[in-house]
């Protein structure tokens, strides 16, 4: 077994905790504007991001574990186990080893101090809770869970309980409401202020109406956790390509461009939510083109 790949950002250490990998969608299904020739021109290493058949895009589902200033912090919590997701069959009643992967990294759930959520979709908030004696209980009983109040309110409003949002409403009920009931939730305004020492939430709507990206500053270094602003490296150079999952296409494009510019301006290490392989990398600018390089 390979040793865990920790990343250093200032004095912070960051590690990917894998939940699962999905290779269910073709490029055209994920990115409706996909053009193979343009994609290859935009990202010549395109084959590295496809499955062995060259017909599907593997999407990594994972969390980021951060050790910083004596704290253990998670950004997003994957899909979770044993949860009914009839409208999202790839996440229905999963049995993954995410919790074992966390323990393999040397961290017990009781040691997590904070959980930071970019948004409340099925594959980002699922491990907030686990099943115990038939009920959903917090997986991290000593943690504070921070997430957008506006995002929670959106997925609590019956007016938004549409076919598109059905799974998100189920996720809110079994993966977020129990956290609130346990008194562990801090619902925040997403306005770029430092909400936790070293951490700020920035508004990047489009994928969901109140999606956030998270910035970690440590010393002179910076990390950007993009959540679902992007799903594939080709979007770095073609930010106009939205995914089928983006609720507001125009806002999603604007947020993607903001994240790219922020990463370049601040020389940030970028920690993505669904890119394959390491899922971490750098955005580089030169010759009127930007590009993605895995770390």
Protein backbone atom coordinates (compact mmCIF):
# COMPACT_ATOMS: atom_id res chain seq x y z
CA UNK A 1 0.00 0.00 0.00
CA UNK A 2 1.34 3.41 -0.96
CA UNK A 3 2.07 5.89 1.80
CA UNK A 4 -0.53 8.66 2.18
CA UNK A 5 0.24 11.73 0.09
CA UNK A 6 0.22 14.71 2.42
CA UNK A 7 0.45 18.23 1.03
CA UNK A 8 2.04 21.13 2.87
CA UNK A 9 0.46 24.58 2.73
CA UNK A 10 2.41 26.76 5.11
CA UNK A 11 2.39 24.90 8.40
CA UNK A 12 -0.79 23.00 7.50
CA UNK A 13 -0.86 19.40 6.25
CA UNK A 14 -3.60 18.19 3.90
CA UNK A 15 -4.57 14.64 2.90
CA UNK A 16 -7.26 13.23 0.63
CA UNK A 17 -9.60 10.73 2.31
CA UNK A 18 -11.11 8.65 -0.48
CA UNK A 19 -14.73 7.57 -0.41
CA UNK A 20 -15.32 6.14 -3.91
CA UNK A 21 -14.72 6.73 -7.60
CA UNK A 22 -17.56 6.87 -10.12
CA UNK A 23 -16.95 6.17 -13.80
CA UNK A 24 -20.54 6.37 -14.96
CA UNK A 25 -20.69 9.38 -17.28
CA UNK A 26 -19.24 9.97 -20.71
CA UNK A 27 -17.60 13.36 -21.34
CA UNK A 28 -20.68 14.45 -23.28
CA UNK A 29 -22.98 13.41 -20.43
CA UNK A 30 -20.96 15.29 -17.84
CA UNK A 31 -20.19 18.35 -19.96
CA UNK A 32 -22.98 18.85 -22.54
CA UNK A 33 -20.90 21.29 -24.62
CA UNK A 34 -18.04 18.79 -24.91
CA UNK A 35 -16.08 18.80 -28.14
CA UNK A 36 -13.36 16.17 -28.27
CA UNK A 37 -10.99 18.15 -30.48
CA UNK A 38 -11.29 21.32 -28.43
CA UNK A 39 -10.94 19.35 -25.20
CA UNK A 40 -7.69 17.77 -26.38
CA UNK A 41 -6.35 21.14 -27.47
CA UNK A 42 -7.29 22.67 -24.11
CA UNK A 43 -5.89 19.78 -22.08
CA UNK A 44 -3.39 17.62 -24.05
CA UNK A 45 -3.14 15.12 -21.17
CA UNK A 46 -6.82 14.35 -21.60
CA UNK A 47 -6.31 10.57 -21.72
CA UNK A 48 -5.07 10.66 -18.11
CA UNK A 49 -8.50 11.80 -16.99
CA UNK A 50 -10.49 9.08 -18.76
CA UNK A 51 -11.06 5.46 -17.81
CA UNK A 52 -9.28 2.56 -19.52
CA UNK A 53 -11.89 2.44 -22.28
CA UNK A 54 -11.46 6.16 -22.98
CA UNK A 55 -15.23 6.60 -22.88
CA UNK A 56 -15.97 7.58 -19.25
CA UNK A 57 -14.75 10.27 -16.88
CA UNK A 58 -13.87 8.89 -13.44
CA UNK A 59 -15.10 11.28 -10.75
CA UNK A 60 -13.38 11.03 -7.39
CA UNK A 61 -15.59 11.37 -4.30
CA UNK A 62 -13.51 12.29 -1.25
CA UNK A 63 -12.87 14.58 1.69
CA UNK A 64 -9.86 16.71 2.54
CA UNK A 65 -8.33 16.20 5.99
CA UNK A 66 -6.41 19.21 7.28
CA UNK A 67 -4.09 19.33 10.27
CA UNK A 68 -3.54 22.97 11.13
CA UNK A 69 -2.71 24.90 14.31
CA UNK A 70 -3.39 21.88 16.49
CA UNK A 71 -6.78 21.23 14.89
CA UNK A 72 -8.10 18.41 12.74
CA UNK A 73 -10.49 19.67 10.09
CA UNK A 74 -12.46 18.06 7.27
CA UNK A 75 -13.57 19.82 4.10
CA UNK A 76 -16.67 17.97 2.86
CA UNK A 77 -17.55 14.45 3.95
CA UNK A 78 -18.25 12.34 0.87
CA UNK A 79 -21.40 10.31 0.27
CA UNK A 80 -21.85 8.26 3.44
CA UNK A 81 -23.04 4.70 3.94
CA UNK A 82 -26.43 3.02 4.17
CA UNK A 83 -28.37 6.04 2.94
CA UNK A 84 -31.43 5.77 0.75
CA UNK A 85 -30.87 7.69 -2.47
CA UNK A 86 -33.50 6.35 -4.89
CA UNK A 87 -33.13 9.31 -7.25
CA UNK A 88 -29.31 8.99 -7.27
CA UNK A 89 -28.67 5.24 -7.60
CA UNK A 90 -24.86 5.58 -7.63
CA UNK A 91 -25.11 6.78 -4.01
CA UNK A 92 -27.90 4.48 -2.88
CA UNK A 93 -27.13 2.35 0.20
CA UNK A 94 -23.37 2.54 -0.24
CA UNK A 95 -20.88 0.44 1.71
CA UNK A 96 -17.56 2.25 1.30
CA UNK A 97 -14.43 2.23 3.48
CA UNK A 98 -14.21 6.00 3.96
CA UNK A 99 -14.25 5.70 7.75
CA UNK A 100 -11.51 3.09 7.63
CA UNK A 101 -9.49 5.36 5.35
CA UNK A 102 -9.78 8.15 7.90
CA UNK A 103 -8.59 5.83 10.67
CA UNK A 104 -5.79 4.59 8.43
CA UNK A 105 -4.61 8.21 8.28
CA UNK A 106 -4.26 8.06 12.05
CA UNK A 107 -7.41 10.01 12.89
CA UNK A 108 -10.43 8.81 14.84
CA UNK A 109 -13.83 10.47 14.22
CA UNK A 110 -13.81 11.76 17.81
CA UNK A 111 -10.64 13.74 17.04
CA UNK A 112 -12.17 15.91 14.30
CA UNK A 113 -12.57 19.48 15.55
CA UNK A 114 -14.32 21.11 12.59
CA UNK A 115 -16.21 20.03 9.47
CA UNK A 116 -16.43 22.65 6.70
CA UNK A 117 -18.99 22.05 3.96
CA UNK A 118 -18.79 23.69 0.55
CA UNK A 119 -22.42 22.79 -0.14
CA UNK A 120 -25.07 20.27 0.87
CA UNK A 121 -25.16 17.86 -2.06
CA UNK A 122 -25.35 14.11 -1.59
CA UNK A 123 -21.63 13.48 -2.21
CA UNK A 124 -20.34 16.28 0.02
CA UNK A 125 -22.28 15.93 3.28
CA UNK A 126 -23.04 12.22 3.57
CA UNK A 127 -20.50 11.21 6.20
CA UNK A 128 -21.72 13.98 8.50
CA UNK A 129 -23.78 11.22 10.06
CA UNK A 130 -23.71 7.46 10.46
CA UNK A 131 -26.39 4.98 11.37
CA UNK A 132 -26.53 3.78 14.96
CA UNK A 133 -29.39 1.67 16.31
CA UNK A 134 -31.53 2.71 13.37
CA UNK A 135 -31.04 6.47 13.74
CA UNK A 136 -28.64 8.97 12.20
CA UNK A 137 -26.07 10.30 14.65
CA UNK A 138 -23.13 12.69 14.13
CA UNK A 139 -20.06 10.86 12.85
CA UNK A 140 -17.84 13.48 14.47
CA UNK A 141 -19.42 14.07 17.90
CA UNK A 142 -16.84 16.61 19.06
CA UNK A 143 -16.78 18.71 15.90
CA UNK A 144 -18.42 21.97 14.94
CA UNK A 145 -20.01 21.73 11.50
CA UNK A 146 -19.83 24.97 9.47
CA UNK A 147 -21.97 25.55 6.39
CA UNK A 148 -23.95 28.23 4.60
CA UNK A 149 -27.20 29.23 6.28
CA UNK A 150 -28.60 30.30 2.92
CA UNK A 151 -27.74 26.89 1.43
CA UNK A 152 -29.51 25.12 4.28
CA UNK A 153 -32.53 27.40 4.00
CA UNK A 154 -32.76 26.76 0.25
CA UNK A 155 -32.86 22.98 0.70
CA UNK A 156 -35.38 23.35 3.53
CA UNK A 157 -37.92 25.39 1.58
CA UNK A 158 -40.71 23.14 0.23
CA UNK A 159 -40.93 25.38 -2.83
CA UNK A 160 -37.53 24.04 -3.91
CA UNK A 161 -38.37 20.36 -3.34
CA UNK A 162 -38.32 19.59 -7.06
CA UNK A 163 -37.23 16.51 -8.97
CA UNK A 164 -33.79 18.07 -9.44
CA UNK A 165 -33.41 18.73 -5.72
CA UNK A 166 -35.06 15.57 -4.33
CA UNK A 167 -31.79 13.91 -3.32
CA UNK A 168 -30.50 17.12 -1.73
CA UNK A 169 -33.61 17.32 0.43
CA UNK A 170 -33.04 13.72 1.54
CA UNK A 171 -29.38 14.55 2.25
CA UNK A 172 -30.44 17.52 4.35
CA UNK A 173 -32.85 15.35 6.34
CA UNK A 174 -30.48 12.50 7.20
CA UNK A 175 -27.07 14.19 7.05
CA UNK A 176 -27.61 17.79 8.21
CA UNK A 177 -30.74 17.94 10.36
CA UNK A 178 -29.29 15.46 12.91
CA UNK A 179 -26.23 17.73 13.25
CA UNK A 180 -28.46 20.69 14.00
CA UNK A 181 -30.53 18.65 16.45
CA UNK A 182 -27.32 17.67 18.25
CA UNK A 183 -26.35 21.33 18.63
CA UNK A 184 -23.18 20.92 16.55
CA UNK A 185 -24.01 23.19 13.59
CA UNK A 186 -22.80 26.71 12.92
CA UNK A 187 -24.80 28.13 10.02
CA UNK A 188 -22.78 31.00 8.61
CA UNK A 189 -23.01 33.91 6.22
CA UNK A 190 -20.67 33.34 3.27
CA UNK A 191 -18.97 36.67 2.74
CA UNK A 192 -15.22 36.04 2.64
CA UNK A 193 -14.59 36.93 6.27
CA UNK A 194 -12.36 34.70 8.39
CA UNK A 195 -14.94 32.47 10.03
CA UNK A 196 -12.35 30.23 11.72
CA UNK A 197 -8.70 31.09 12.26
CA UNK A 198 -7.06 30.70 8.84
CA UNK A 199 -10.30 29.80 7.02
CA UNK A 200 -12.71 31.88 4.94
CA UNK A 201 -15.78 30.90 2.92
CA UNK A 202 -16.25 32.64 -0.45
CA UNK A 203 -19.49 32.70 -2.39
CA UNK A 204 -19.23 30.70 -5.63
CA UNK A 205 -22.86 30.07 -6.66
CA UNK A 206 -24.04 28.28 -9.74
CA UNK A 207 -23.58 24.62 -8.98
CA UNK A 208 -26.01 25.23 -6.13
CA UNK A 209 -27.55 28.64 -5.39
CA UNK A 210 -25.33 29.15 -2.33
CA UNK A 211 -22.26 27.05 -3.07
CA UNK A 212 -19.06 28.18 -1.32
CA UNK A 213 -15.35 27.71 -1.94
CA UNK A 214 -13.06 27.64 1.07
CA UNK A 215 -9.70 29.35 1.46
CA UNK A 216 -7.02 28.32 3.96
CA UNK A 217 -4.18 30.74 4.68
CA UNK A 218 -1.13 29.54 6.57
CA UNK A 219 1.81 31.90 6.75
CA UNK A 220 2.33 33.23 3.24
CA UNK A 221 0.81 30.15 1.62
CA UNK A 222 -2.75 29.64 0.45
CA UNK A 223 -5.01 26.69 -0.35
CA UNK A 224 -8.27 26.90 -2.28
CA UNK A 225 -10.89 24.15 -1.85
CA UNK A 226 -13.10 24.59 -4.88
CA UNK A 227 -15.94 22.19 -4.11
CA UNK A 228 -17.97 21.71 -7.28
CA UNK A 229 -16.89 24.87 -9.08
CA UNK A 230 -15.12 22.44 -11.45
CA UNK A 231 -15.45 18.72 -12.15
CA UNK A 232 -12.75 18.16 -14.79
CA UNK A 233 -9.36 19.75 -15.61
CA UNK A 234 -10.54 20.74 -19.09
CA UNK A 235 -12.74 23.37 -17.41
CA UNK A 236 -9.61 25.21 -16.29
CA UNK A 237 -8.94 26.26 -19.87
CA UNK A 238 -12.57 26.14 -21.03
CA UNK A 239 -14.45 27.60 -18.05
CA UNK A 240 -17.48 28.22 -20.26
CA UNK A 241 -18.23 24.48 -20.21
CA UNK A 242 -20.71 23.74 -17.44
CA UNK A 243 -21.57 20.33 -16.09
CA UNK A 244 -25.01 18.81 -16.23
CA UNK A 245 -25.14 19.29 -12.45
CA UNK A 246 -24.84 23.10 -12.49
CA UNK A 247 -28.18 24.62 -11.49
CA UNK A 248 -27.44 28.13 -12.77
CA UNK A 249 -25.11 27.92 -15.80
CA UNK A 250 -24.26 31.62 -16.04
CA UNK A 251 -23.48 31.93 -12.32
CA UNK A 252 -21.43 28.72 -12.47
CA UNK A 253 -19.23 30.16 -15.24
CA UNK A 254 -18.68 33.38 -13.29
CA UNK A 255 -17.77 31.42 -10.14
CA UNK A 256 -15.40 29.18 -12.09
CA UNK A 257 -13.59 32.19 -13.53
CA UNK A 258 -13.42 33.77 -10.08
CA UNK A 259 -11.84 30.62 -8.60
CA UNK A 260 -9.31 30.37 -11.42
CA UNK A 261 -8.33 34.02 -11.05
CA UNK A 262 -8.10 33.71 -7.28
CA UNK A 263 -5.83 30.67 -7.53
CA UNK A 264 -3.51 32.43 -9.98
CA UNK A 265 -3.44 35.72 -8.09
CA UNK A 266 -2.69 34.06 -4.75
CA UNK A 267 -0.50 31.23 -6.09
CA UNK A 268 -2.85 28.85 -4.30
CA UNK A 269 -2.62 25.09 -4.20
CA UNK A 270 -6.03 23.97 -5.44
CA UNK A 271 -7.83 21.05 -3.82
CA UNK A 272 -10.66 19.89 -6.06
CA UNK A 273 -13.66 17.77 -5.19
CA UNK A 274 -13.88 15.46 -8.21
CA UNK A 275 -10.72 15.60 -10.32
CA UNK A 276 -9.12 12.15 -10.70
CA UNK A 277 -5.70 10.97 -9.47
CA UNK A 278 -4.34 13.20 -6.71
CA UNK A 279 -7.20 15.73 -7.11
CA UNK A 280 -4.78 18.49 -6.04
CA UNK A 281 -2.77 20.80 -8.25
CA UNK A 282 -1.82 24.22 -9.49
CA UNK A 283 -3.32 26.60 -12.00
CA UNK A 284 -0.73 28.24 -14.21
CA UNK A 285 -1.05 31.25 -16.45
CA UNK A 286 1.09 32.03 -19.47
CA UNK A 287 0.99 32.77 -23.19
CA UNK A 288 -2.64 33.86 -22.92
CA UNK A 289 -3.60 30.40 -21.67
CA UNK A 290 -4.17 28.85 -18.28
CA UNK A 291 -3.51 25.22 -17.51
CA UNK A 292 -3.84 22.65 -14.78
CA UNK A 293 -0.97 20.65 -13.33
CA UNK A 294 -1.58 17.80 -10.88
CA UNK A 295 0.56 17.77 -7.76
